[in-house]
Amino acid sequence: MTALALEPDFDTIIDRRGTGSLKWDRYAGQDILPMWVADMDFAVCPEVLQAMQQRLAHPIFGYTRPTPGPVEAVLAYLKNTHGIAADPSWLVWMPGMVPGLAMAAASCGLPGDEVMTFTPVYPPFLNVPKDVGRRLVAVPLSVSDGRSTFDFPAMEAALTPRTRLVMLCSPHNPVGRVWTRAELEQLADFCLRHDLSLCSDEIHGDLLLEPERAPFTTCLALAGPIQERLVVMMAASKTYNVPGLGISFAIIPDPERRRQFQATKNGLVAETNPLGFAATEAAYRHGEAWRAALCRYLRGNRDFLAAQLAEHCPEVLMAPLEATYLAWLDLRSLGLAHPAAHFEKHGLGLSNGADFGAPGFLRLNFGCPRAVLEEGHRRFRCAVAAAR
């Protein structure tokens, strides 16, 4: 692969209007700045773009299975980044993370059985279990000084004989927590004591804002019999800004659990697309310098936003953010009946906390050039001032 520029440009504003962008075309024709759905307004990592262009040189795009290249790249990533010596047979490729959640839920237990998760959480965690005939058990996270963690007494109380699966978001979207190894070990013990499987969505695991203070631990690193109950899901899509390619992968160490997952997949989803395989291989082989620069830039955006909110909107509380590019904002002090609609009226499109199981909150995507974030904050301040 040709050597490309080492210093990424995250400041250039790229016009995405009229491209079919879910994020931008939602407000087509309106003066509303979209800072909601979780994709970034940055150009794709150059090495990833180059790999897709090379794949485009072949003129046929039929149903595609992974060649050795992306498999080897994922295995090397797991070994070098996470210290996990995975077997190629552990990988199950999927057309995105949300189908993976559905497959995990559908492959555990029987219709009417229960899936536990922790709120507030990415909306598909709340909807997918119901879509595949499972009941949802939503347990609120415990919050102390703005920092969220698991509420194990509440989890124990919510269990029933039909609870079969825990679905974990790690790092957590939207509260931005990177779970510690001790927290994950306690969760694994909870699963083992109650005969539960554990599905961990780790799509944000490379978007670390405090890697020295809050390092990421994959559930694959948990030792012991929890390995027999694990479905861990990863993707390059969020980190390298290619979610529209629709590709992710599950890592399932246990053969029987993998067989159940694969059997469910065969009845639910189609093959993954060839450009996704090319992008995934290039991201894991050549994208580390770009990823590190991205995280530095996102950390700067986080710090800018936190400082501006503290100075100009002190009644709005921003959760401490260790990972992701998604700020979780508590606006309950403003007393707004419909916070998202209020901010849209003032030119800013944010994610409604009610969709995450937390009315009165909003989620703000700061994965954008600093100038766009500055304009977003200007509009945010105007909306808060109007609500006072």
Foldseek 3Di string as FASTA:
>chain_A
DDDDDLAFDFFDQDDPPPVPDPQPPVQPPHLFQGFADQFFRGDFDVLLVVLLVVVVVDPDWDFDDFDVLLLVLVQVLCCPVAVDNADSVQKDKFQADLVLVLLLLLLWDDQAFEEEEEPLADLSLVVSNVVNRYHYQYHYFDADPLDTAHDVVSVVVSDDLRHAEYEEEAVTPPLQAHDDPVRLQVVLVVCVVNVHAYEYECAFQLFFLCCPVRNHHFNSPDDDPNLQRYWYKYACCSLRRPSVQRMIMIGRRHPVSVVSSVVSCVVPDGGGTPSRSSSSSSCSPPVPSVSVSLSNVLSVLVVVVVVLCVVQPVLKDWRDHGGDQKTKIAQVVLVDPFVQVLLVVLRYHWAASVSSVDHRITIGGSSHNSVSSVVNVVSVSVSSVVSD
